[in-house]
ModelCIF file with pLDDT and N, C-alpha, C, O atoms, coordinates in Angstrom:
data_MODEL
#
_entry.id   MODEL 
#
_entity.id                         1 
_entity.type                       polymer 
_entity.pdbx_number_of_molecules   1 
#
_entity_poly.entity_id                      1 
_entity_poly.type                           'polypeptide(L)' 
_entity_poly.nstd_linkage                   no 
_entity_poly.nstd_monomer                   no 
_entity_poly.pdbx_seq_one_letter_code       
;(UNK)(UNK)(UNK)(UNK)(UNK)(UNK)(UNK)(UNK)(UNK)(UNK)(UNK)(UNK)(UNK)(UNK)(UNK)(UNK)
(UNK)(UNK)(UNK)(UNK)(UNK)(UNK)(UNK)(UNK)(UNK)(UNK)(UNK)(UNK)(UNK)(UNK)(UNK)(UNK)
(UNK)(UNK)(UNK)(UNK)(UNK)(UNK)(UNK)
;
_entity_poly.pdbx_seq_one_letter_code_can   XXXXXXXXXXXXXXXXXXXXXXXXXXXXXXXXXXXXXXX 
_entity_poly.pdbx_strand_id                 A 
#
loop_
_entity_poly_seq.entity_id 
_entity_poly_seq.num 
_entity_poly_seq.mon_id 
_entity_poly_seq.hetero 
1 1  UNK n 
1 2  UNK n 
1 3  UNK n 
1 4  UNK n 
1 5  UNK n 
1 6  UNK n 
1 7  UNK n 
1 8  UNK n 
1 9  UNK n 
1 10 UNK n 
1 11 UNK n 
1 12 UNK n 
1 13 UNK n 
1 14 UNK n 
1 15 UNK n 
1 16 UNK n 
1 17 UNK n 
1 18 UNK n 
1 19 UNK n 
1 20 UNK n 
1 21 UNK n 
1 22 UNK n 
1 23 UNK n 
1 24 UNK n 
1 25 UNK n 
1 26 UNK n 
1 27 UNK n 
1 28 UNK n 
1 29 UNK n 
1 30 UNK n 
1 31 UNK n 
1 32 UNK n 
1 33 UNK n 
1 34 UNK n 
1 35 UNK n 
1 36 UNK n 
1 37 UNK n 
1 38 UNK n 
1 39 UNK n 
#
_struct_asym.id          A 
_struct_asym.entity_id   1 
#
loop_
_ma_qa_metric.id 
_ma_qa_metric.mode 
_ma_qa_metric.name 
_ma_qa_metric.software_group_id 
_ma_qa_metric.type 
1 global pLDDT . pLDDT 
2 local  pLDDT . pLDDT 
#
_ma_qa_metric_global.metric_id      1 
_ma_qa_metric_global.metric_value   84.64 
_ma_qa_metric_global.model_id       1 
_ma_qa_metric_global.ordinal_id     1 
#
loop_
_ma_qa_metric_local.label_asym_id 
_ma_qa_metric_local.label_comp_id 
_ma_qa_metric_local.label_seq_id 
_ma_qa_metric_local.metric_id 
_ma_qa_metric_local.metric_value 
_ma_qa_metric_local.model_id 
_ma_qa_metric_local.ordinal_id 
A UNK 1  2 89.00 1 1  
A UNK 2  2 86.00 1 2  
A UNK 3  2 84.00 1 3  
A UNK 4  2 87.00 1 4  
A UNK 5  2 84.00 1 5  
A UNK 6  2 79.00 1 6  
A UNK 7  2 80.00 1 7  
A UNK 8  2 84.00 1 8  
A UNK 9  2 84.00 1 9  
A UNK 10 2 88.00 1 10 
A UNK 11 2 87.00 1 11 
A UNK 12 2 85.00 1 12 
A UNK 13 2 86.00 1 13 
A UNK 14 2 86.00 1 14 
A UNK 15 2 86.00 1 15 
A UNK 16 2 83.00 1 16 
A UNK 17 2 83.00 1 17 
A UNK 18 2 82.00 1 18 
A UNK 19 2 82.00 1 19 
A UNK 20 2 77.00 1 20 
A UNK 21 2 78.00 1 21 
A UNK 22 2 81.00 1 22 
A UNK 23 2 82.00 1 23 
A UNK 24 2 84.00 1 24 
A UNK 25 2 84.00 1 25 
A UNK 26 2 83.00 1 26 
A UNK 27 2 83.00 1 27 
A UNK 28 2 85.00 1 28 
A UNK 29 2 83.00 1 29 
A UNK 30 2 83.00 1 30 
A UNK 31 2 85.00 1 31 
A UNK 32 2 88.00 1 32 
A UNK 33 2 87.00 1 33 
A UNK 34 2 88.00 1 34 
A UNK 35 2 90.00 1 35 
A UNK 36 2 89.00 1 36 
A UNK 37 2 89.00 1 37 
A UNK 38 2 88.00 1 38 
A UNK 39 2 89.00 1 39 
#
loop_
_atom_site.group_PDB 
_atom_site.id 
_atom_site.type_symbol 
_atom_site.label_atom_id 
_atom_site.label_alt_id 
_atom_site.label_comp_id 
_atom_site.label_asym_id 
_atom_site.label_entity_id 
_atom_site.label_seq_id 
_atom_site.pdbx_PDB_ins_code 
_atom_site.Cartn_x 
_atom_site.Cartn_y 
_atom_site.Cartn_z 
_atom_site.occupancy 
_atom_site.B_iso_or_equiv 
_atom_site.pdbx_formal_charge 
_atom_site.auth_seq_id 
_atom_site.auth_comp_id 
_atom_site.auth_asym_id 
_atom_site.auth_atom_id 
_atom_site.pdbx_PDB_model_num 
ATOM 1   N N  . UNK A 1 1  ? -26.667 2.578   3.459   1.00 89.00 ? 1  UNK A N  1 
ATOM 2   C CA . UNK A 1 1  ? -25.906 2.050   2.496   1.00 89.00 ? 1  UNK A CA 1 
ATOM 3   C C  . UNK A 1 1  ? -25.135 1.245   3.108   1.00 89.00 ? 1  UNK A C  1 
ATOM 4   O O  . UNK A 1 1  ? -25.413 0.250   2.438   1.00 89.00 ? 1  UNK A O  1 
ATOM 5   N N  . UNK A 1 2  ? -24.314 0.843   3.919   1.00 86.00 ? 2  UNK A N  1 
ATOM 6   C CA . UNK A 1 2  ? -23.396 -0.254  4.068   1.00 86.00 ? 2  UNK A CA 1 
ATOM 7   C C  . UNK A 1 2  ? -24.140 -1.080  4.076   1.00 86.00 ? 2  UNK A C  1 
ATOM 8   O O  . UNK A 1 2  ? -24.106 -1.677  2.999   1.00 86.00 ? 2  UNK A O  1 
ATOM 9   N N  . UNK A 1 3  ? -25.149 -1.643  5.035   1.00 84.00 ? 3  UNK A N  1 
ATOM 10  C CA . UNK A 1 3  ? -25.995 -2.599  5.156   1.00 84.00 ? 3  UNK A CA 1 
ATOM 11  C C  . UNK A 1 3  ? -26.796 -3.221  4.056   1.00 84.00 ? 3  UNK A C  1 
ATOM 12  O O  . UNK A 1 3  ? -27.062 -4.418  3.943   1.00 84.00 ? 3  UNK A O  1 
ATOM 13  N N  . UNK A 1 4  ? -27.236 -1.978  3.046   1.00 87.00 ? 4  UNK A N  1 
ATOM 14  C CA . UNK A 1 4  ? -28.055 -2.363  1.993   1.00 87.00 ? 4  UNK A CA 1 
ATOM 15  C C  . UNK A 1 4  ? -26.740 -3.035  0.976   1.00 87.00 ? 4  UNK A C  1 
ATOM 16  O O  . UNK A 1 4  ? -27.186 -3.767  0.092   1.00 87.00 ? 4  UNK A O  1 
ATOM 17  N N  . UNK A 1 5  ? -25.389 -2.906  0.982   1.00 84.00 ? 5  UNK A N  1 
ATOM 18  C CA . UNK A 1 5  ? -24.885 -2.844  0.096   1.00 84.00 ? 5  UNK A CA 1 
ATOM 19  C C  . UNK A 1 5  ? -24.234 -4.657  0.105   1.00 84.00 ? 5  UNK A C  1 
ATOM 20  O O  . UNK A 1 5  ? -23.747 -5.254  -0.855  1.00 84.00 ? 5  UNK A O  1 
ATOM 21  N N  . UNK A 1 6  ? -24.529 -5.379  2.063   1.00 79.00 ? 6  UNK A N  1 
ATOM 22  C CA . UNK A 1 6  ? -23.810 -6.368  1.733   1.00 79.00 ? 6  UNK A CA 1 
ATOM 23  C C  . UNK A 1 6  ? -24.906 -7.516  2.143   1.00 79.00 ? 6  UNK A C  1 
ATOM 24  O O  . UNK A 1 6  ? -24.578 -8.656  2.473   1.00 79.00 ? 6  UNK A O  1 
ATOM 25  N N  . UNK A 1 7  ? -26.376 -7.005  2.068   1.00 80.00 ? 7  UNK A N  1 
ATOM 26  C CA . UNK A 1 7  ? -27.859 -7.700  2.022   1.00 80.00 ? 7  UNK A CA 1 
ATOM 27  C C  . UNK A 1 7  ? -28.277 -7.831  1.084   1.00 80.00 ? 7  UNK A C  1 
ATOM 28  O O  . UNK A 1 7  ? -29.209 -8.635  1.069   1.00 80.00 ? 7  UNK A O  1 
ATOM 29  N N  . UNK A 1 8  ? -27.815 -7.015  -0.594  1.00 84.00 ? 8  UNK A N  1 
ATOM 30  C CA . UNK A 1 8  ? -28.524 -7.130  -1.810  1.00 84.00 ? 8  UNK A CA 1 
ATOM 31  C C  . UNK A 1 8  ? -27.416 -7.220  -2.652  1.00 84.00 ? 8  UNK A C  1 
ATOM 32  O O  . UNK A 1 8  ? -26.702 -6.223  -2.541  1.00 84.00 ? 8  UNK A O  1 
ATOM 33  N N  . UNK A 1 9  ? -26.990 -8.074  -3.483  1.00 84.00 ? 9  UNK A N  1 
ATOM 34  C CA . UNK A 1 9  ? -25.715 -8.094  -4.434  1.00 84.00 ? 9  UNK A CA 1 
ATOM 35  C C  . UNK A 1 9  ? -26.417 -8.047  -5.704  1.00 84.00 ? 9  UNK A C  1 
ATOM 36  O O  . UNK A 1 9  ? -27.298 -8.850  -6.012  1.00 84.00 ? 9  UNK A O  1 
ATOM 37  N N  . UNK A 1 10 ? -25.946 -6.931  -6.561  1.00 88.00 ? 10 UNK A N  1 
ATOM 38  C CA . UNK A 1 10 ? -26.509 -7.015  -7.697  1.00 88.00 ? 10 UNK A CA 1 
ATOM 39  C C  . UNK A 1 10 ? -26.006 -7.917  -8.728  1.00 88.00 ? 10 UNK A C  1 
ATOM 40  O O  . UNK A 1 10 ? -26.724 -8.211  -9.684  1.00 88.00 ? 10 UNK A O  1 
ATOM 41  N N  . UNK A 1 11 ? -24.485 -8.505  -8.565  1.00 87.00 ? 11 UNK A N  1 
ATOM 42  C CA . UNK A 1 11 ? -24.397 -9.210  -9.423  1.00 87.00 ? 11 UNK A CA 1 
ATOM 43  C C  . UNK A 1 11 ? -24.380 -10.541 -8.936  1.00 87.00 ? 11 UNK A C  1 
ATOM 44  O O  . UNK A 1 11 ? -23.912 -11.353 -9.734  1.00 87.00 ? 11 UNK A O  1 
ATOM 45  N N  . UNK A 1 12 ? -24.828 -11.061 -7.660  1.00 85.00 ? 12 UNK A N  1 
ATOM 46  C CA . UNK A 1 12 ? -25.575 -12.222 -7.689  1.00 85.00 ? 12 UNK A CA 1 
ATOM 47  C C  . UNK A 1 12 ? -27.033 -12.586 -8.419  1.00 85.00 ? 12 UNK A C  1 
ATOM 48  O O  . UNK A 1 12 ? -27.450 -13.731 -8.598  1.00 85.00 ? 12 UNK A O  1 
ATOM 49  N N  . UNK A 1 13 ? -27.726 -11.326 -8.807  1.00 86.00 ? 13 UNK A N  1 
ATOM 50  C CA . UNK A 1 13 ? -29.434 -11.076 -8.716  1.00 86.00 ? 13 UNK A CA 1 
ATOM 51  C C  . UNK A 1 13 ? -29.069 -11.315 -11.062 1.00 86.00 ? 13 UNK A C  1 
ATOM 52  O O  . UNK A 1 13 ? -29.646 -12.029 -11.883 1.00 86.00 ? 13 UNK A O  1 
ATOM 53  N N  . UNK A 1 14 ? -27.982 -10.378 -11.204 1.00 86.00 ? 14 UNK A N  1 
ATOM 54  C CA . UNK A 1 14 ? -27.501 -10.278 -12.481 1.00 86.00 ? 14 UNK A CA 1 
ATOM 55  C C  . UNK A 1 14 ? -27.702 -11.610 -12.857 1.00 86.00 ? 14 UNK A C  1 
ATOM 56  O O  . UNK A 1 14 ? -28.669 -11.890 -13.567 1.00 86.00 ? 14 UNK A O  1 
ATOM 57  N N  . UNK A 1 15 ? -26.612 -12.806 -12.328 1.00 86.00 ? 15 UNK A N  1 
ATOM 58  C CA . UNK A 1 15 ? -26.024 -13.800 -13.010 1.00 86.00 ? 15 UNK A CA 1 
ATOM 59  C C  . UNK A 1 15 ? -27.447 -15.119 -12.697 1.00 86.00 ? 15 UNK A C  1 
ATOM 60  O O  . UNK A 1 15 ? -27.802 -16.040 -13.433 1.00 86.00 ? 15 UNK A O  1 
ATOM 61  N N  . UNK A 1 16 ? -28.012 -14.676 -11.245 1.00 83.00 ? 16 UNK A N  1 
ATOM 62  C CA . UNK A 1 16 ? -29.546 -15.529 -11.269 1.00 83.00 ? 16 UNK A CA 1 
ATOM 63  C C  . UNK A 1 16 ? -30.299 -15.495 -12.062 1.00 83.00 ? 16 UNK A C  1 
ATOM 64  O O  . UNK A 1 16 ? -30.849 -16.511 -12.485 1.00 83.00 ? 16 UNK A O  1 
ATOM 65  N N  . UNK A 1 17 ? -30.579 -14.113 -12.564 1.00 83.00 ? 17 UNK A N  1 
ATOM 66  C CA . UNK A 1 17 ? -31.179 -13.752 -14.018 1.00 83.00 ? 17 UNK A CA 1 
ATOM 67  C C  . UNK A 1 17 ? -30.878 -14.505 -15.533 1.00 83.00 ? 17 UNK A C  1 
ATOM 68  O O  . UNK A 1 17 ? -31.584 -15.192 -16.272 1.00 83.00 ? 17 UNK A O  1 
ATOM 69  N N  . UNK A 1 18 ? -29.604 -14.066 -15.601 1.00 82.00 ? 18 UNK A N  1 
ATOM 70  C CA . UNK A 1 18 ? -28.845 -14.958 -16.653 1.00 82.00 ? 18 UNK A CA 1 
ATOM 71  C C  . UNK A 1 18 ? -28.856 -16.070 -16.827 1.00 82.00 ? 18 UNK A C  1 
ATOM 72  O O  . UNK A 1 18 ? -28.748 -16.395 -18.009 1.00 82.00 ? 18 UNK A O  1 
ATOM 73  N N  . UNK A 1 19 ? -28.992 -17.264 -15.742 1.00 82.00 ? 19 UNK A N  1 
ATOM 74  C CA . UNK A 1 19 ? -29.340 -18.637 -16.084 1.00 82.00 ? 19 UNK A CA 1 
ATOM 75  C C  . UNK A 1 19 ? -30.391 -19.000 -16.005 1.00 82.00 ? 19 UNK A C  1 
ATOM 76  O O  . UNK A 1 19 ? -30.570 -20.188 -16.276 1.00 82.00 ? 19 UNK A O  1 
ATOM 77  N N  . UNK A 1 20 ? -31.595 -18.156 -15.595 1.00 77.00 ? 20 UNK A N  1 
ATOM 78  C CA . UNK A 1 20 ? -32.781 -18.300 -15.656 1.00 77.00 ? 20 UNK A CA 1 
ATOM 79  C C  . UNK A 1 20 ? -33.212 -18.033 -16.999 1.00 77.00 ? 20 UNK A C  1 
ATOM 80  O O  . UNK A 1 20 ? -34.308 -18.453 -17.371 1.00 77.00 ? 20 UNK A O  1 
ATOM 81  N N  . UNK A 1 21 ? -32.608 -17.506 -17.617 1.00 78.00 ? 21 UNK A N  1 
ATOM 82  C CA . UNK A 1 21 ? -33.057 -17.310 -19.365 1.00 78.00 ? 21 UNK A CA 1 
ATOM 83  C C  . UNK A 1 21 ? -33.961 -15.400 -19.129 1.00 78.00 ? 21 UNK A C  1 
ATOM 84  O O  . UNK A 1 21 ? -34.574 -14.788 -20.004 1.00 78.00 ? 21 UNK A O  1 
ATOM 85  N N  . UNK A 1 22 ? -33.743 -15.022 -17.916 1.00 81.00 ? 22 UNK A N  1 
ATOM 86  C CA . UNK A 1 22 ? -34.524 -13.594 -17.710 1.00 81.00 ? 22 UNK A CA 1 
ATOM 87  C C  . UNK A 1 22 ? -33.446 -12.485 -18.452 1.00 81.00 ? 22 UNK A C  1 
ATOM 88  O O  . UNK A 1 22 ? -32.244 -12.691 -18.620 1.00 81.00 ? 22 UNK A O  1 
ATOM 89  N N  . UNK A 1 23 ? -33.996 -11.587 -18.743 1.00 82.00 ? 23 UNK A N  1 
ATOM 90  C CA . UNK A 1 23 ? -33.687 -10.046 -18.948 1.00 82.00 ? 23 UNK A CA 1 
ATOM 91  C C  . UNK A 1 23 ? -34.311 -8.925  -18.454 1.00 82.00 ? 23 UNK A C  1 
ATOM 92  O O  . UNK A 1 23 ? -35.526 -9.087  -18.336 1.00 82.00 ? 23 UNK A O  1 
ATOM 93  N N  . UNK A 1 24 ? -33.809 -7.598  -18.050 1.00 84.00 ? 24 UNK A N  1 
ATOM 94  C CA . UNK A 1 24 ? -34.397 -6.228  -18.253 1.00 84.00 ? 24 UNK A CA 1 
ATOM 95  C C  . UNK A 1 24 ? -34.433 -5.850  -19.583 1.00 84.00 ? 24 UNK A C  1 
ATOM 96  O O  . UNK A 1 24 ? -33.413 -5.633  -20.237 1.00 84.00 ? 24 UNK A O  1 
ATOM 97  N N  . UNK A 1 25 ? -35.587 -5.757  -20.023 1.00 84.00 ? 25 UNK A N  1 
ATOM 98  C CA . UNK A 1 25 ? -36.185 -5.198  -20.762 1.00 84.00 ? 25 UNK A CA 1 
ATOM 99  C C  . UNK A 1 25 ? -35.052 -3.668  -21.338 1.00 84.00 ? 25 UNK A C  1 
ATOM 100 O O  . UNK A 1 25 ? -35.048 -2.749  -20.519 1.00 84.00 ? 25 UNK A O  1 
ATOM 101 N N  . UNK A 1 26 ? -34.306 -3.471  -22.444 1.00 83.00 ? 26 UNK A N  1 
ATOM 102 C CA . UNK A 1 26 ? -33.409 -2.431  -22.875 1.00 83.00 ? 26 UNK A CA 1 
ATOM 103 C C  . UNK A 1 26 ? -32.227 -2.660  -22.550 1.00 83.00 ? 26 UNK A C  1 
ATOM 104 O O  . UNK A 1 26 ? -31.377 -2.039  -23.189 1.00 83.00 ? 26 UNK A O  1 
ATOM 105 N N  . UNK A 1 27 ? -31.750 -3.620  -21.454 1.00 83.00 ? 27 UNK A N  1 
ATOM 106 C CA . UNK A 1 27 ? -30.507 -3.643  -20.624 1.00 83.00 ? 27 UNK A CA 1 
ATOM 107 C C  . UNK A 1 27 ? -29.982 -5.008  -20.891 1.00 83.00 ? 27 UNK A C  1 
ATOM 108 O O  . UNK A 1 27 ? -30.557 -6.062  -20.618 1.00 83.00 ? 27 UNK A O  1 
ATOM 109 N N  . UNK A 1 28 ? -28.844 -4.865  -21.447 1.00 85.00 ? 28 UNK A N  1 
ATOM 110 C CA . UNK A 1 28 ? -27.620 -6.128  -21.514 1.00 85.00 ? 28 UNK A CA 1 
ATOM 111 C C  . UNK A 1 28 ? -27.631 -7.060  -20.534 1.00 85.00 ? 28 UNK A C  1 
ATOM 112 O O  . UNK A 1 28 ? -27.240 -6.604  -19.459 1.00 85.00 ? 28 UNK A O  1 
ATOM 113 N N  . UNK A 1 29 ? -27.975 -8.340  -20.514 1.00 83.00 ? 29 UNK A N  1 
ATOM 114 C CA . UNK A 1 29 ? -27.559 -9.370  -19.686 1.00 83.00 ? 29 UNK A CA 1 
ATOM 115 C C  . UNK A 1 29 ? -26.164 -9.453  -19.050 1.00 83.00 ? 29 UNK A C  1 
ATOM 116 O O  . UNK A 1 29 ? -25.222 -9.501  -19.841 1.00 83.00 ? 29 UNK A O  1 
ATOM 117 N N  . UNK A 1 30 ? -25.907 -9.474  -17.792 1.00 83.00 ? 30 UNK A N  1 
ATOM 118 C CA . UNK A 1 30 ? -24.622 -9.429  -17.500 1.00 83.00 ? 30 UNK A CA 1 
ATOM 119 C C  . UNK A 1 30 ? -23.954 -8.026  -16.394 1.00 83.00 ? 30 UNK A C  1 
ATOM 120 O O  . UNK A 1 30 ? -24.671 -7.590  -15.492 1.00 83.00 ? 30 UNK A O  1 
ATOM 121 N N  . UNK A 1 31 ? -23.036 -7.657  -16.552 1.00 85.00 ? 31 UNK A N  1 
ATOM 122 C CA . UNK A 1 31 ? -22.321 -6.722  -16.110 1.00 85.00 ? 31 UNK A CA 1 
ATOM 123 C C  . UNK A 1 31 ? -23.551 -5.678  -16.452 1.00 85.00 ? 31 UNK A C  1 
ATOM 124 O O  . UNK A 1 31 ? -24.050 -5.201  -15.432 1.00 85.00 ? 31 UNK A O  1 
ATOM 125 N N  . UNK A 1 32 ? -23.990 -5.343  -17.383 1.00 88.00 ? 32 UNK A N  1 
ATOM 126 C CA . UNK A 1 32 ? -24.702 -4.035  -17.515 1.00 88.00 ? 32 UNK A CA 1 
ATOM 127 C C  . UNK A 1 32 ? -26.318 -4.138  -16.839 1.00 88.00 ? 32 UNK A C  1 
ATOM 128 O O  . UNK A 1 32 ? -26.983 -3.155  -16.514 1.00 88.00 ? 32 UNK A O  1 
ATOM 129 N N  . UNK A 1 33 ? -26.648 -5.219  -16.749 1.00 87.00 ? 33 UNK A N  1 
ATOM 130 C CA . UNK A 1 33 ? -27.897 -5.803  -15.740 1.00 87.00 ? 33 UNK A CA 1 
ATOM 131 C C  . UNK A 1 33 ? -27.313 -5.205  -14.353 1.00 87.00 ? 33 UNK A C  1 
ATOM 132 O O  . UNK A 1 33 ? -27.792 -4.501  -13.464 1.00 87.00 ? 33 UNK A O  1 
ATOM 133 N N  . UNK A 1 34 ? -26.456 -5.619  -14.508 1.00 88.00 ? 34 UNK A N  1 
ATOM 134 C CA . UNK A 1 34 ? -25.551 -5.893  -12.896 1.00 88.00 ? 34 UNK A CA 1 
ATOM 135 C C  . UNK A 1 34 ? -25.921 -3.956  -12.466 1.00 88.00 ? 34 UNK A C  1 
ATOM 136 O O  . UNK A 1 34 ? -26.662 -3.483  -11.604 1.00 88.00 ? 34 UNK A O  1 
ATOM 137 N N  . UNK A 1 35 ? -25.075 -3.301  -13.452 1.00 90.00 ? 35 UNK A N  1 
ATOM 138 C CA . UNK A 1 35 ? -24.712 -1.809  -12.883 1.00 90.00 ? 35 UNK A CA 1 
ATOM 139 C C  . UNK A 1 35 ? -26.273 -1.083  -12.828 1.00 90.00 ? 35 UNK A C  1 
ATOM 140 O O  . UNK A 1 35 ? -26.547 -0.154  -12.069 1.00 90.00 ? 35 UNK A O  1 
ATOM 141 N N  . UNK A 1 36 ? -27.189 -1.682  -13.754 1.00 89.00 ? 36 UNK A N  1 
ATOM 142 C CA . UNK A 1 36 ? -28.754 -1.041  -13.731 1.00 89.00 ? 36 UNK A CA 1 
ATOM 143 C C  . UNK A 1 36 ? -29.114 -1.170  -12.502 1.00 89.00 ? 36 UNK A C  1 
ATOM 144 O O  . UNK A 1 36 ? -29.342 -0.200  -11.779 1.00 89.00 ? 36 UNK A O  1 
ATOM 145 N N  . UNK A 1 37 ? -29.232 -2.760  -12.015 1.00 89.00 ? 37 UNK A N  1 
ATOM 146 C CA . UNK A 1 37 ? -29.996 -2.389  -10.546 1.00 89.00 ? 37 UNK A CA 1 
ATOM 147 C C  . UNK A 1 37 ? -29.077 -1.898  -9.470  1.00 89.00 ? 37 UNK A C  1 
ATOM 148 O O  . UNK A 1 37 ? -29.484 -1.520  -8.371  1.00 89.00 ? 37 UNK A O  1 
ATOM 149 N N  . UNK A 1 38 ? -27.659 -1.922  -9.880  1.00 88.00 ? 38 UNK A N  1 
ATOM 150 C CA . UNK A 1 38 ? -27.096 -1.153  -8.529  1.00 88.00 ? 38 UNK A CA 1 
ATOM 151 C C  . UNK A 1 38 ? -27.331 0.692   -8.419  1.00 88.00 ? 38 UNK A C  1 
ATOM 152 O O  . UNK A 1 38 ? -27.268 1.506   -7.497  1.00 88.00 ? 38 UNK A O  1 
ATOM 153 N N  . UNK A 1 39 ? -27.642 0.773   -9.993  1.00 89.00 ? 39 UNK A N  1 
ATOM 154 C CA . UNK A 1 39 ? -27.645 2.408   -10.208 1.00 89.00 ? 39 UNK A CA 1 
ATOM 155 C C  . UNK A 1 39 ? -29.425 2.839   -9.658  1.00 89.00 ? 39 UNK A C  1 
ATOM 156 O O  . UNK A 1 39 ? -29.813 4.007   -9.680  1.00 89.00 ? 39 UNK A O  1 
#
């Protein structure tokens, strides 16, 4: 859990997706996307 937390950053993934115009169907871009990926 510790090493996964420091190697995979949901916030950065969500920000990169938002900048490139991508989104997860049914999930709002930004904070909600980061929360969904983290879950």
